[in-house]
PDB file of N, CA and C in Angstrom:
ATOM      1  N   MET A   1       9.529 -37.722  37.545  1.00  0.00           N
ATOM      2  CA  MET A   1       8.857 -36.853  38.488  1.00  0.00           C
ATOM      3  C   MET A   1       9.127 -37.378  39.891  1.00  0.00           C
ATOM      4  N   SER A   2       9.539 -36.495  40.756  1.00  0.00           N
ATOM      5  CA  SER A   2       9.821 -36.864  42.137  1.00  0.00           C
ATOM      6  C   SER A   2       8.528 -36.944  42.942  1.00  0.00           C
ATOM      7  N   ASP A   3       8.415 -37.921  43.813  1.00  0.00           N
ATOM      8  CA  ASP A   3       7.244 -38.075  44.670  1.00  0.00           C
ATOM      9  C   ASP A   3       7.575 -37.832  46.137  1.00  0.00           C
ATOM     10  N   LEU A   4       8.713 -37.275  46.420  1.00  0.00           N
ATOM     11  CA  LEU A   4       9.128 -37.114  47.804  1.00  0.00           C
ATOM     12  C   LEU A   4       8.533 -35.878  48.470  1.00  0.00           C
ATOM     13  N   ASN A   5       8.206 -34.867  47.703  1.00  0.00           N
ATOM     14  CA  ASN A   5       7.702 -33.602  48.229  1.00  0.00           C
ATOM     15  C   ASN A   5       8.613 -33.045  49.327  1.00  0.00           C
ATOM     16  N   ASP A   6       9.889 -33.117  49.086  1.00  0.00           N
ATOM     17  CA  ASP A   6      10.882 -32.723  50.075  1.00  0.00           C
ATOM     18  C   ASP A   6      11.878 -31.756  49.421  1.00  0.00           C
ATOM     19  N   PRO A   7      12.096 -30.572  49.982  1.00  0.00           N
ATOM     20  CA  PRO A   7      13.037 -29.625  49.371  1.00  0.00           C
ATOM     21  C   PRO A   7      14.484 -30.117  49.378  1.00  0.00           C
ATOM     22  N   ARG A   8      14.788 -31.161  50.142  1.00  0.00           N
ATOM     23  CA  ARG A   8      16.162 -31.678  50.157  1.00  0.00           C
ATOM     24  C   ARG A   8      16.564 -32.233  48.788  1.00  0.00           C
ATOM     25  N   VAL A   9      15.586 -32.662  48.006  1.00  0.00           N
ATOM     26  CA  VAL A   9      15.885 -33.155  46.654  1.00  0.00           C
ATOM     27  C   VAL A   9      16.442 -32.008  45.802  1.00  0.00           C
ATOM     28  N   PHE A  10      15.804 -30.855  45.895  1.00  0.00           N
ATOM     29  CA  PHE A  10      16.284 -29.692  45.154  1.00  0.00           C
ATOM     30  C   PHE A  10      17.685 -29.290  45.618  1.00  0.00           C
ATOM     31  N   PHE A  11      17.876 -29.240  46.929  1.00  0.00           N
ATOM     32  CA  PHE A  11      19.183 -28.836  47.451  1.00  0.00           C
ATOM     33  C   PHE A  11      20.274 -29.843  47.086  1.00  0.00           C
ATOM     34  N   ALA A  12      19.923 -31.103  46.985  1.00  0.00           N
ATOM     35  CA  ALA A  12      20.896 -32.108  46.534  1.00  0.00           C
ATOM     36  C   ALA A  12      21.294 -31.859  45.090  1.00  0.00           C
ATOM     37  N   ALA A  13      20.315 -31.501  44.253  1.00  0.00           N
ATOM     38  CA  ALA A  13      20.618 -31.195  42.854  1.00  0.00           C
ATOM     39  C   ALA A  13      21.513 -29.957  42.758  1.00  0.00           C
ATOM     40  N   GLU A  14      21.239 -28.969  43.597  1.00  0.00           N
ATOM     41  CA  GLU A  14      22.056 -27.760  43.571  1.00  0.00           C
ATOM     42  C   GLU A  14      23.480 -28.039  44.072  1.00  0.00           C
ATOM     43  N   ARG A  15      23.614 -28.857  45.097  1.00  0.00           N
ATOM     44  CA  ARG A  15      24.954 -29.236  45.579  1.00  0.00           C
ATOM     45  C   ARG A  15      25.727 -29.987  44.502  1.00  0.00           C
ATOM     46  N   THR A  16      25.024 -30.831  43.760  1.00  0.00           N
ATOM     47  CA  THR A  16      25.678 -31.557  42.671  1.00  0.00           C
ATOM     48  C   THR A  16      26.169 -30.590  41.601  1.00  0.00           C
ATOM     49  N   LEU A  17      25.339 -29.605  41.262  1.00  0.00           N
ATOM     50  CA  LEU A  17      25.760 -28.602  40.282  1.00  0.00           C
ATOM     51  C   LEU A  17      26.986 -27.846  40.784  1.00  0.00           C
ATOM     52  N   LEU A  18      26.985 -27.464  42.041  1.00  0.00           N
ATOM     53  CA  LEU A  18      28.127 -26.728  42.583  1.00  0.00           C
ATOM     54  C   LEU A  18      29.377 -27.600  42.661  1.00  0.00           C
ATOM     55  N   ALA A  19      29.207 -28.900  42.861  1.00  0.00           N
ATOM     56  CA  ALA A  19      30.362 -29.806  42.818  1.00  0.00           C
ATOM     57  C   ALA A  19      30.943 -29.861  41.408  1.00  0.00           C
ATOM     58  N   TRP A  20      30.068 -29.899  40.404  1.00  0.00           N
ATOM     59  CA  TRP A  20      30.541 -29.849  39.021  1.00  0.00           C
ATOM     60  C   TRP A  20      31.219 -28.514  38.738  1.00  0.00           C
ATOM     61  N   ASN A  21      30.690 -27.439  39.323  1.00  0.00           N
ATOM     62  CA  ASN A  21      31.289 -26.118  39.162  1.00  0.00           C
ATOM     63  C   ASN A  21      32.733 -26.141  39.668  1.00  0.00           C
ATOM     64  N   ARG A  22      32.948 -26.700  40.842  1.00  0.00           N
ATOM     65  CA  ARG A  22      34.309 -26.787  41.390  1.00  0.00           C
ATOM     66  C   ARG A  22      35.208 -27.668  40.530  1.00  0.00           C
ATOM     67  N   THR A  23      34.652 -28.753  40.016  1.00  0.00           N
ATOM     68  CA  THR A  23      35.433 -29.634  39.150  1.00  0.00           C
ATOM     69  C   THR A  23      35.858 -28.906  37.880  1.00  0.00           C
ATOM     70  N   CYS A  24      34.935 -28.173  37.287  1.00  0.00           N
ATOM     71  CA  CYS A  24      35.251 -27.424  36.062  1.00  0.00           C
ATOM     72  C   CYS A  24      36.284 -26.341  36.327  1.00  0.00           C
ATOM     73  N   LEU A  25      36.142 -25.663  37.443  1.00  0.00           N
ATOM     74  CA  LEU A  25      37.116 -24.632  37.808  1.00  0.00           C
ATOM     75  C   LEU A  25      38.501 -25.243  38.011  1.00  0.00           C
ATOM     76  N   THR A  26      38.553 -26.415  38.624  1.00  0.00           N
ATOM     77  CA  THR A  26      39.830 -27.100  38.827  1.00  0.00           C
ATOM     78  C   THR A  26      40.455 -27.505  37.497  1.00  0.00           C
ATOM     79  N   LEU A  27      39.643 -28.016  36.578  1.00  0.00           N
ATOM     80  CA  LEU A  27      40.166 -28.376  35.252  1.00  0.00           C
ATOM     81  C   LEU A  27      40.734 -27.160  34.536  1.00  0.00           C
ATOM     82  N   MET A  28      40.024 -26.039  34.623  1.00  0.00           N
ATOM     83  CA  MET A  28      40.502 -24.827  33.957  1.00  0.00           C
ATOM     84  C   MET A  28      41.790 -24.313  34.593  1.00  0.00           C
ATOM     85  N   ALA A  29      41.854 -24.345  35.911  1.00  0.00           N
ATOM     86  CA  ALA A  29      43.077 -23.894  36.591  1.00  0.00           C
ATOM     87  C   ALA A  29      44.256 -24.801  36.244  1.00  0.00           C
ATOM     88  N   PHE A  30      44.013 -26.105  36.211  1.00  0.00           N
ATOM     89  CA  PHE A  30      45.071 -27.034  35.840  1.00  0.00           C
ATOM     90  C   PHE A  30      45.516 -26.782  34.397  1.00  0.00           C
ATOM     91  N   GLY A  31      44.569 -26.546  33.513  1.00  0.00           N
ATOM     92  CA  GLY A  31      44.906 -26.248  32.124  1.00  0.00           C
ATOM     93  C   GLY A  31      45.748 -24.990  31.995  1.00  0.00           C
ATOM     94  N   PHE A  32      45.401 -23.975  32.777  1.00  0.00           N
ATOM     95  CA  PHE A  32      46.178 -22.740  32.742  1.00  0.00           C
ATOM     96  C   PHE A  32      47.603 -22.982  33.232  1.00  0.00           C
ATOM     97  N   VAL A  33      47.747 -23.760  34.290  1.00  0.00           N
ATOM     98  CA  VAL A  33      49.078 -24.069  34.821  1.00  0.00           C
ATOM     99  C   VAL A  33      49.887 -24.851  33.793  1.00  0.00           C
ATOM    100  N   VAL A  34      49.281 -25.828  33.150  1.00  0.00           N
ATOM    101  CA  VAL A  34      49.986 -26.617  32.127  1.00  0.00           C
ATOM    102  C   VAL A  34      50.402 -25.709  30.971  1.00  0.00           C
ATOM    103  N   GLU A  35      49.505 -24.828  30.550  1.00  0.00           N
ATOM    104  CA  GLU A  35      49.816 -23.930  29.437  1.00  0.00           C
ATOM    105  C   GLU A  35      50.974 -23.004  29.793  1.00  0.00           C
ATOM    106  N   ARG A  36      50.958 -22.451  30.984  1.00  0.00           N
ATOM    107  CA  ARG A  36      52.014 -21.528  31.407  1.00  0.00           C
ATOM    108  C   ARG A  36      53.324 -22.256  31.720  1.00  0.00           C
ATOM    109  N   PHE A  37      53.257 -23.526  32.050  1.00  0.00           N
ATOM    110  CA  PHE A  37      54.474 -24.283  32.314  1.00  0.00           C
ATOM    111  C   PHE A  37      55.338 -24.370  31.060  1.00  0.00           C
ATOM    112  N   GLY A  38      54.719 -24.512  29.899  1.00  0.00           N
ATOM    113  CA  GLY A  38      55.472 -24.523  28.648  1.00  0.00           C
ATOM    114  C   GLY A  38      56.194 -23.206  28.418  1.00  0.00           C
ATOM    115  N   LEU A  39      55.539 -22.100  28.765  1.00  0.00           N
ATOM    116  CA  LEU A  39      56.175 -20.791  28.649  1.00  0.00           C
ATOM    117  C   LEU A  39      57.352 -20.683  29.624  1.00  0.00           C
ATOM    118  N   PHE A  40      57.170 -21.208  30.828  1.00  0.00           N
ATOM    119  CA  PHE A  40      58.239 -21.205  31.830  1.00  0.00           C
ATOM    120  C   PHE A  40      59.446 -22.003  31.334  1.00  0.00           C
ATOM    121  N   LEU A  41      59.208 -23.174  30.762  1.00  0.00           N
ATOM    122  CA  LEU A  41      60.315 -23.981  30.227  1.00  0.00           C
ATOM    123  C   LEU A  41      61.010 -23.271  29.078  1.00  0.00           C
ATOM    124  N   HIS A  42      60.232 -22.583  28.259  1.00  0.00           N
ATOM    125  CA  HIS A  42      60.812 -21.846  27.139  1.00  0.00           C
ATOM    126  C   HIS A  42      61.734 -20.736  27.647  1.00  0.00           C
ATOM    127  N   MET A  43      61.340 -20.088  28.744  1.00  0.00           N
ATOM    128  CA  MET A  43      62.159 -19.006  29.292  1.00  0.00           C
ATOM    129  C   MET A  43      63.442 -19.540  29.925  1.00  0.00           C
ATOM    130  N   LEU A  44      63.411 -20.762  30.433  1.00  0.00           N
ATOM    131  CA  LEU A  44      64.596 -21.341  31.067  1.00  0.00           C
ATOM    132  C   LEU A  44      65.615 -21.860  30.066  1.00  0.00           C
ATOM    133  N   ALA A  45      65.171 -22.226  28.887  1.00  0.00           N
ATOM    134  CA  ALA A  45      66.073 -22.812  27.881  1.00  0.00           C
ATOM    135  C   ALA A  45      66.940 -21.707  27.272  1.00  0.00           C
ATOM    136  N   PRO A  46      68.267 -21.783  27.428  1.00  0.00           N
ATOM    137  CA  PRO A  46      69.128 -20.700  26.934  1.00  0.00           C
ATOM    138  C   PRO A  46      69.369 -20.735  25.428  1.00  0.00           C
ATOM    139  N   GLN A  47      69.221 -21.863  24.781  1.00  0.00           N
ATOM    140  CA  GLN A  47      69.589 -21.985  23.380  1.00  0.00           C
ATOM    141  C   GLN A  47      68.407 -21.888  22.420  1.00  0.00           C
ATOM    142  N   THR A  48      67.235 -21.522  22.882  1.00  0.00           N
ATOM    143  CA  THR A  48      66.072 -21.481  22.000  1.00  0.00           C
ATOM    144  C   THR A  48      65.939 -20.109  21.359  1.00  0.00           C
ATOM    145  N   PRO A  49      65.304 -20.039  20.187  1.00  0.00           N
ATOM    146  CA  PRO A  49      65.059 -18.734  19.558  1.00  0.00           C
ATOM    147  C   PRO A  49      64.122 -17.892  20.431  1.00  0.00           C
ATOM    148  N   GLN A  50      64.107 -16.602  20.187  1.00  0.00           N
ATOM    149  CA  GLN A  50      63.347 -15.686  21.030  1.00  0.00           C
ATOM    150  C   GLN A  50      61.846 -15.674  20.735  1.00  0.00           C
ATOM    151  N   HIS A  51      61.404 -16.153  19.584  1.00  0.00           N
ATOM    152  CA  HIS A  51      59.958 -16.162  19.311  1.00  0.00           C
ATOM    153  C   HIS A  51      59.298 -17.351  20.020  1.00  0.00           C
ATOM    154  N   LEU A  52      58.102 -17.134  20.476  1.00  0.00           N
ATOM    155  CA  LEU A  52      57.381 -18.169  21.208  1.00  0.00           C
ATOM    156  C   LEU A  52      56.649 -19.097  20.254  1.00  0.00           C
ATOM    157  N   GLU A  53      56.683 -20.357  20.574  1.00  0.00           N
ATOM    158  CA  GLU A  53      55.988 -21.355  19.772  1.00  0.00           C
ATOM    159  C   GLU A  53      54.906 -22.008  20.609  1.00  0.00           C
ATOM    160  N   ARG A  54      53.916 -22.503  19.949  1.00  0.00           N
ATOM    161  CA  ARG A  54      52.843 -23.229  20.632  1.00  0.00           C
ATOM    162  C   ARG A  54      53.221 -24.697  20.675  1.00  0.00           C
ATOM    163  N   GLY A  55      53.732 -25.109  21.804  1.00  0.00           N
ATOM    164  CA  GLY A  55      54.135 -26.489  21.970  1.00  0.00           C
ATOM    165  C   GLY A  55      52.993 -27.340  22.486  1.00  0.00           C
ATOM    166  N   ILE A  56      53.341 -28.550  22.874  1.00  0.00           N
ATOM    167  CA  ILE A  56      52.339 -29.503  23.337  1.00  0.00           C
ATOM    168  C   ILE A  56      51.676 -29.023  24.621  1.00  0.00           C
ATOM    169  N   SER A  57      52.422 -28.342  25.488  1.00  0.00           N
ATOM    170  CA  SER A  57      51.825 -27.875  26.743  1.00  0.00           C
ATOM    171  C   SER A  57      50.740 -26.832  26.480  1.00  0.00           C
ATOM    172  N   PHE A  58      50.912 -26.016  25.447  1.00  0.00           N
ATOM    173  CA  PHE A  58      49.885 -25.038  25.097  1.00  0.00           C
ATOM    174  C   PHE A  58      48.590 -25.744  24.718  1.00  0.00           C
ATOM    175  N   TRP A  59      48.676 -26.729  23.843  1.00  0.00           N
ATOM    176  CA  TRP A  59      47.472 -27.398  23.350  1.00  0.00           C
ATOM    177  C   TRP A  59      46.820 -28.261  24.423  1.00  0.00           C
ATOM    178  N   VAL A  60      47.619 -28.911  25.247  1.00  0.00           N
ATOM    179  CA  VAL A  60      47.047 -29.707  26.337  1.00  0.00           C
ATOM    180  C   VAL A  60      46.363 -28.789  27.347  1.00  0.00           C
ATOM    181  N   GLY A  61      47.027 -27.700  27.720  1.00  0.00           N
ATOM    182  CA  GLY A  61      46.439 -26.749  28.649  1.00  0.00           C
ATOM    183  C   GLY A  61      45.158 -26.138  28.110  1.00  0.00           C
ATOM    184  N   LEU A  62      45.178 -25.750  26.843  1.00  0.00           N
ATOM    185  CA  LEU A  62      43.974 -25.192  26.211  1.00  0.00           C
ATOM    186  C   LEU A  62      42.854 -26.224  26.184  1.00  0.00           C
ATOM    187  N   GLY A  63      43.218 -27.487  25.957  1.00  0.00           N
ATOM    188  CA  GLY A  63      42.221 -28.554  25.970  1.00  0.00           C
ATOM    189  C   GLY A  63      41.562 -28.706  27.332  1.00  0.00           C
ATOM    190  N   PHE A  64      42.353 -28.620  28.404  1.00  0.00           N
ATOM    191  CA  PHE A  64      41.780 -28.700  29.751  1.00  0.00           C
ATOM    192  C   PHE A  64      40.842 -27.519  30.029  1.00  0.00           C
ATOM    193  N   ILE A  65      41.240 -26.334  29.601  1.00  0.00           N
ATOM    194  CA  ILE A  65      40.394 -25.157  29.827  1.00  0.00           C
ATOM    195  C   ILE A  65      39.079 -25.297  29.070  1.00  0.00           C
ATOM    196  N   LEU A  66      39.144 -25.716  27.826  1.00  0.00           N
ATOM    197  CA  LEU A  66      37.919 -25.886  27.035  1.00  0.00           C
ATOM    198  C   LEU A  66      37.068 -27.042  27.550  1.00  0.00           C
ATOM    199  N   LEU A  67      37.714 -28.100  28.039  1.00  0.00           N
ATOM    200  CA  LEU A  67      36.976 -29.211  28.641  1.00  0.00           C
ATOM    201  C   LEU A  67      36.218 -28.743  29.880  1.00  0.00           C
ATOM    202  N   GLY A  68      36.860 -27.942  30.695  1.00  0.00           N
ATOM    203  CA  GLY A  68      36.186 -27.388  31.869  1.00  0.00           C
ATOM    204  C   GLY A  68      35.002 -26.528  31.493  1.00  0.00           C
ATOM    205  N   SER A  69      35.144 -25.720  30.441  1.00  0.00           N
ATOM    206  CA  SER A  69      34.033 -24.879  29.986  1.00  0.00           C
ATOM    207  C   SER A  69      32.875 -25.724  29.464  1.00  0.00           C
ATOM    208  N   LEU A  70      33.180 -26.732  28.688  1.00  0.00           N
ATOM    209  CA  LEU A  70      32.143 -27.603  28.147  1.00  0.00           C
ATOM    210  C   LEU A  70      31.418 -28.352  29.264  1.00  0.00           C
ATOM    211  N   MET A  71      32.179 -28.846  30.224  1.00  0.00           N
ATOM    212  CA  MET A  71      31.560 -29.568  31.330  1.00  0.00           C
ATOM    213  C   MET A  71      30.668 -28.654  32.166  1.00  0.00           C
ATOM    214  N   ALA A  72      31.026 -27.386  32.289  1.00  0.00           N
ATOM    215  CA  ALA A  72      30.200 -26.435  33.029  1.00  0.00           C
ATOM    216  C   ALA A  72      28.853 -26.249  32.343  1.00  0.00           C
ATOM    217  N   VAL A  73      28.869 -26.116  31.033  1.00  0.00           N
ATOM    218  CA  VAL A  73      27.611 -25.965  30.292  1.00  0.00           C
ATOM    219  C   VAL A  73      26.768 -27.229  30.417  1.00  0.00           C
ATOM    220  N   LEU A  74      27.387 -28.385  30.290  1.00  0.00           N
ATOM    221  CA  LEU A  74      26.648 -29.642  30.412  1.00  0.00           C
ATOM    222  C   LEU A  74      26.081 -29.829  31.817  1.00  0.00           C
ATOM    223  N   ALA A  75      26.804 -29.383  32.832  1.00  0.00           N
ATOM    224  CA  ALA A  75      26.308 -29.489  34.202  1.00  0.00           C
ATOM    225  C   ALA A  75      25.060 -28.637  34.404  1.00  0.00           C
ATOM    226  N   VAL A  76      25.030 -27.456  33.802  1.00  0.00           N
ATOM    227  CA  VAL A  76      23.846 -26.597  33.901  1.00  0.00           C
ATOM    228  C   VAL A  76      22.668 -27.237  33.173  1.00  0.00           C
ATOM    229  N   ILE A  77      22.922 -27.825  32.018  1.00  0.00           N
ATOM    230  CA  ILE A  77      21.842 -28.500  31.281  1.00  0.00           C
ATOM    231  C   ILE A  77      21.276 -29.637  32.117  1.00  0.00           C
ATOM    232  N   GLN A  78      22.135 -30.411  32.734  1.00  0.00           N
ATOM    233  CA  GLN A  78      21.678 -31.521  33.577  1.00  0.00           C
ATOM    234  C   GLN A  78      20.885 -30.998  34.777  1.00  0.00           C
ATOM    235  N   TYR A  79      21.344 -29.945  35.400  1.00  0.00           N
ATOM    236  CA  TYR A  79      20.659 -29.342  36.544  1.00  0.00           C
ATOM    237  C   TYR A  79      19.265 -28.863  36.151  1.00  0.00           C
ATOM    238  N   ARG A  80      19.172 -28.196  35.014  1.00  0.00           N
ATOM    239  CA  ARG A  80      17.862 -27.696  34.556  1.00  0.00           C
ATOM    240  C   ARG A  80      16.906 -28.856  34.260  1.00  0.00           C
ATOM    241  N   ARG A  81      17.417 -29.960  33.748  1.00  0.00           N
ATOM    242  CA  ARG A  81      16.564 -31.129  33.509  1.00  0.00           C
ATOM    243  C   ARG A  81      16.030 -31.696  34.813  1.00  0.00           C
ATOM    244  N   VAL A  82      16.869 -31.730  35.831  1.00  0.00           N
ATOM    245  CA  VAL A  82      16.418 -32.208  37.135  1.00  0.00           C
ATOM    246  C   VAL A  82      15.364 -31.271  37.710  1.00  0.00           C
ATOM    247  N   LEU A  83      15.573 -29.961  37.561  1.00  0.00           N
ATOM    248  CA  LEU A  83      14.586 -29.001  38.075  1.00  0.00           C
ATOM    249  C   LEU A  83      13.211 -29.185  37.438  1.00  0.00           C
ATOM    250  N   ARG A  84      13.184 -29.560  36.179  1.00  0.00           N
ATOM    251  CA  ARG A  84      11.894 -29.766  35.502  1.00  0.00           C
ATOM    252  C   ARG A  84      11.123 -30.947  36.075  1.00  0.00           C
ATOM    253  N   THR A  85      11.811 -31.876  36.718  1.00  0.00           N
ATOM    254  CA  THR A  85      11.133 -33.042  37.284  1.00  0.00           C
ATOM    255  C   THR A  85      10.583 -32.782  38.681  1.00  0.00           C
ATOM    256  N   LEU A  86      10.953 -31.667  39.294  1.00  0.00           N
ATOM    257  CA  LEU A  86      10.526 -31.383  40.663  1.00  0.00           C
ATOM    258  C   LEU A  86       9.171 -30.688  40.691  1.00  0.00           C
ATOM    259  N   LYS A  87       8.434 -30.952  41.754  1.00  0.00           N
ATOM    260  CA  LYS A  87       7.158 -30.273  41.974  1.00  0.00           C
ATOM    261  C   LYS A  87       7.426 -28.934  42.658  1.00  0.00           C
ATOM    262  N   PRO A  88       6.505 -27.981  42.539  1.00  0.00           N
ATOM    263  CA  PRO A  88       6.713 -26.682  43.198  1.00  0.00           C
ATOM    264  C   PRO A  88       6.900 -26.781  44.715  1.00  0.00           C
ATOM    265  N   VAL A  89       6.295 -27.777  45.343  1.00  0.00           N
ATOM    266  CA  VAL A  89       6.431 -27.924  46.788  1.00  0.00           C
ATOM    267  C   VAL A  89       7.855 -28.314  47.187  1.00  0.00           C
ATOM    268  N   GLU A  90       8.625 -28.850  46.248  1.00  0.00           N
ATOM    269  CA  GLU A  90       9.991 -29.283  46.529  1.00  0.00           C
ATOM    270  C   GLU A  90      11.008 -28.151  46.413  1.00  0.00           C
ATOM    271  N   ILE A  91      10.582 -27.007  45.915  1.00  0.00           N
ATOM    272  CA  ILE A  91      11.461 -25.850  45.790  1.00  0.00           C
ATOM    273  C   ILE A  91      10.995 -24.808  46.800  1.00  0.00           C
ATOM    274  N   PRO A  92      11.863 -24.375  47.700  1.00  0.00           N
ATOM    275  CA  PRO A  92      11.452 -23.402  48.712  1.00  0.00           C
ATOM    276  C   PRO A  92      10.939 -22.106  48.073  1.00  0.00           C
ATOM    277  N   GLU A  93       9.889 -21.585  48.620  1.00  0.00           N
ATOM    278  CA  GLU A  93       9.265 -20.376  48.083  1.00  0.00           C
ATOM    279  C   GLU A  93      10.219 -19.190  48.217  1.00  0.00           C
ATOM    280  N   GLY A  94      10.362 -18.444  47.154  1.00  0.00           N
ATOM    281  CA  GLY A  94      11.220 -17.265  47.153  1.00  0.00           C
ATOM    282  C   GLY A  94      12.702 -17.553  46.958  1.00  0.00           C
ATOM    283  N   TYR A  95      13.069 -18.810  46.781  1.00  0.00           N
ATOM    284  CA  TYR A  95      14.479 -19.178  46.609  1.00  0.00           C
ATOM    285  C   TYR A  95      14.891 -18.945  45.164  1.00  0.00           C
ATOM    286  N   TRP A  96      16.031 -18.345  44.971  1.00  0.00           N
ATOM    287  CA  TRP A  96      16.543 -18.106  43.620  1.00  0.00           C
ATOM    288  C   TRP A  96      17.194 -19.390  43.110  1.00  0.00           C
ATOM    289  N   VAL A  97      16.476 -20.122  42.312  1.00  0.00           N
ATOM    290  CA  VAL A  97      16.964 -21.430  41.868  1.00  0.00           C
ATOM    291  C   VAL A  97      18.055 -21.325  40.802  1.00  0.00           C
ATOM    292  N   ASN A  98      18.226 -20.163  40.207  1.00  0.00           N
ATOM    293  CA  ASN A  98      19.168 -20.040  39.101  1.00  0.00           C
ATOM    294  C   ASN A  98      20.515 -19.438  39.481  1.00  0.00           C
ATOM    295  N   MET A  99      20.733 -19.143  40.747  1.00  0.00           N
ATOM    296  CA  MET A  99      22.011 -18.538  41.135  1.00  0.00           C
ATOM    297  C   MET A  99      23.195 -19.470  40.855  1.00  0.00           C
ATOM    298  N   ALA A 100      23.077 -20.726  41.216  1.00  0.00           N
ATOM    299  CA  ALA A 100      24.169 -21.675  40.977  1.00  0.00           C
ATOM    300  C   ALA A 100      24.367 -21.899  39.477  1.00  0.00           C
ATOM    301  N   ALA A 101      23.262 -21.951  38.740  1.00  0.00           N
ATOM    302  CA  ALA A 101      23.362 -22.144  37.289  1.00  0.00           C
ATOM    303  C   ALA A 101      24.028 -20.939  36.628  1.00  0.00           C
ATOM    304  N   LEU A 102      23.679 -19.744  37.072  1.00  0.00           N
ATOM    305  CA  LEU A 102      24.284 -18.545  36.483  1.00  0.00           C
ATOM    306  C   LEU A 102      25.779 -18.467  36.795  1.00  0.00           C
ATOM    307  N   SER A 103      26.169 -18.817  38.009  1.00  0.00           N
ATOM    308  CA  SER A 103      27.599 -18.783  38.333  1.00  0.00           C
ATOM    309  C   SER A 103      28.364 -19.831  37.526  1.00  0.00           C
ATOM    310  N   THR A 104      27.753 -20.977  37.285  1.00  0.00           N
ATOM    311  CA  THR A 104      28.415 -22.010  36.497  1.00  0.00           C
ATOM    312  C   THR A 104      28.521 -21.595  35.030  1.00  0.00           C
ATOM    313  N   LEU A 105      27.484 -20.968  34.501  1.00  0.00           N
ATOM    314  CA  LEU A 105      27.561 -20.466  33.124  1.00  0.00           C
ATOM    315  C   LEU A 105      28.577 -19.343  32.998  1.00  0.00           C
ATOM    316  N   LEU A 106      28.664 -18.494  34.010  1.00  0.00           N
ATOM    317  CA  LEU A 106      29.676 -17.441  34.001  1.00  0.00           C
ATOM    318  C   LEU A 106      31.079 -18.048  33.998  1.00  0.00           C
ATOM    319  N   LEU A 107      31.256 -19.114  34.746  1.00  0.00           N
ATOM    320  CA  LEU A 107      32.533 -19.822  34.741  1.00  0.00           C
ATOM    321  C   LEU A 107      32.859 -20.343  33.342  1.00  0.00           C
ATOM    322  N   ALA A 108      31.860 -20.888  32.657  1.00  0.00           N
ATOM    323  CA  ALA A 108      32.075 -21.391  31.300  1.00  0.00           C
ATOM    324  C   ALA A 108      32.470 -20.260  30.348  1.00  0.00           C
ATOM    325  N   VAL A 109      31.795 -19.130  30.453  1.00  0.00           N
ATOM    326  CA  VAL A 109      32.116 -17.981  29.597  1.00  0.00           C
ATOM    327  C   VAL A 109      33.529 -17.485  29.871  1.00  0.00           C
ATOM    328  N   LEU A 110      33.885 -17.396  31.147  1.00  0.00           N
ATOM    329  CA  LEU A 110      35.240 -16.947  31.479  1.00  0.00           C
ATOM    330  C   LEU A 110      36.305 -17.930  30.990  1.00  0.00           C
ATOM    331  N   GLY A 111      35.987 -19.218  30.996  1.00  0.00           N
ATOM    332  CA  GLY A 111      36.916 -20.199  30.447  1.00  0.00           C
ATOM    333  C   GLY A 111      37.118 -20.016  28.951  1.00  0.00           C
ATOM    334  N   ILE A 112      36.040 -19.714  28.249  1.00  0.00           N
ATOM    335  CA  ILE A 112      36.153 -19.478  26.798  1.00  0.00           C
ATOM    336  C   ILE A 112      36.936 -18.197  26.531  1.00  0.00           C
ATOM    337  N   VAL A 113      36.686 -17.153  27.338  1.00  0.00           N
ATOM    338  CA  VAL A 113      37.433 -15.901  27.187  1.00  0.00           C
ATOM    339  C   VAL A 113      38.915 -16.132  27.464  1.00  0.00           C
ATOM    340  N   LEU A 114      39.222 -16.914  28.496  1.00  0.00           N
ATOM    341  CA  LEU A 114      40.624 -17.234  28.802  1.00  0.00           C
ATOM    342  C   LEU A 114      41.269 -18.003  27.638  1.00  0.00           C
ATOM    343  N   SER A 115      40.544 -18.926  27.059  1.00  0.00           N
ATOM    344  CA  SER A 115      41.063 -19.674  25.914  1.00  0.00           C
ATOM    345  C   SER A 115      41.349 -18.743  24.740  1.00  0.00           C
ATOM    346  N   ALA A 116      40.438 -17.827  24.483  1.00  0.00           N
ATOM    347  CA  ALA A 116      40.648 -16.874  23.398  1.00  0.00           C
ATOM    348  C   ALA A 116      41.839 -15.978  23.682  1.00  0.00           C
ATOM    349  N   TYR A 117      41.963 -15.532  24.919  1.00  0.00           N
ATOM    350  CA  TYR A 117      43.096 -14.678  25.292  1.00  0.00           C
ATOM    351  C   TYR A 117      44.428 -15.409  25.106  1.00  0.00           C
ATOM    352  N   LEU A 118      44.487 -16.652  25.552  1.00  0.00           N
ATOM    353  CA  LEU A 118      45.718 -17.408  25.416  1.00  0.00           C
ATOM    354  C   LEU A 118      46.043 -17.692  23.951  1.00  0.00           C
ATOM    355  N   THR A 119      45.018 -17.943  23.163  1.00  0.00           N
ATOM    356  CA  THR A 119      45.235 -18.214  21.743  1.00  0.00           C
ATOM    357  C   THR A 119      45.719 -16.967  21.012  1.00  0.00           C
ATOM    358  N   MET A 120      45.161 -15.821  21.345  1.00  0.00           N
ATOM    359  CA  MET A 120      45.548 -14.576  20.682  1.00  0.00           C
ATOM    360  C   MET A 120      46.882 -14.037  21.185  1.00  0.00           C
ATOM    361  N   GLY A 121      47.276 -14.454  22.399  1.00  0.00           N
ATOM    362  CA  GLY A 121      48.494 -13.936  23.003  1.00  0.00           C
ATOM    363  C   GLY A 121      49.763 -14.388  22.318  1.00  0.00           C
ATOM    364  N   LEU A 122      49.757 -15.576  21.735  1.00  0.00           N
ATOM    365  CA  LEU A 122      50.936 -16.089  21.046  1.00  0.00           C
ATOM    366  C   LEU A 122      50.736 -15.980  19.546  1.00  0.00           C
ATOM    367  N   LYS A 123      51.764 -15.586  18.867  1.00  0.00           N
ATOM    368  CA  LYS A 123      51.650 -15.450  17.411  1.00  0.00           C
ATOM    369  C   LYS A 123      52.597 -16.387  16.725  1.00  0.00           C
TER     370      LYS A 123
END
């Protein structure tokens, strides 16, 4: 339980959540680039068969995307735990405390959808 009675504690927790949001988004973007790089190399190779295979870049890229999604969910759980320790005086009246959490959860859902799309795209 916080004894500071200062709304800056809440805003610090929200900034931390948004920093995790950016980190997760970066991991997912990097994973997508790694996954697509394997496809790019496959297109450049003149002697390969025409069917696409799931190489190491696919699995590493998918791993980064799923890691970003998992970290986004964990960041929201951590944020909600911090919010439970705050007193009402530490949260500004009328402030939507769940906007950052909802955007981070949406990021996690979109990462899972992207993973499913990439998995279904190759046969």
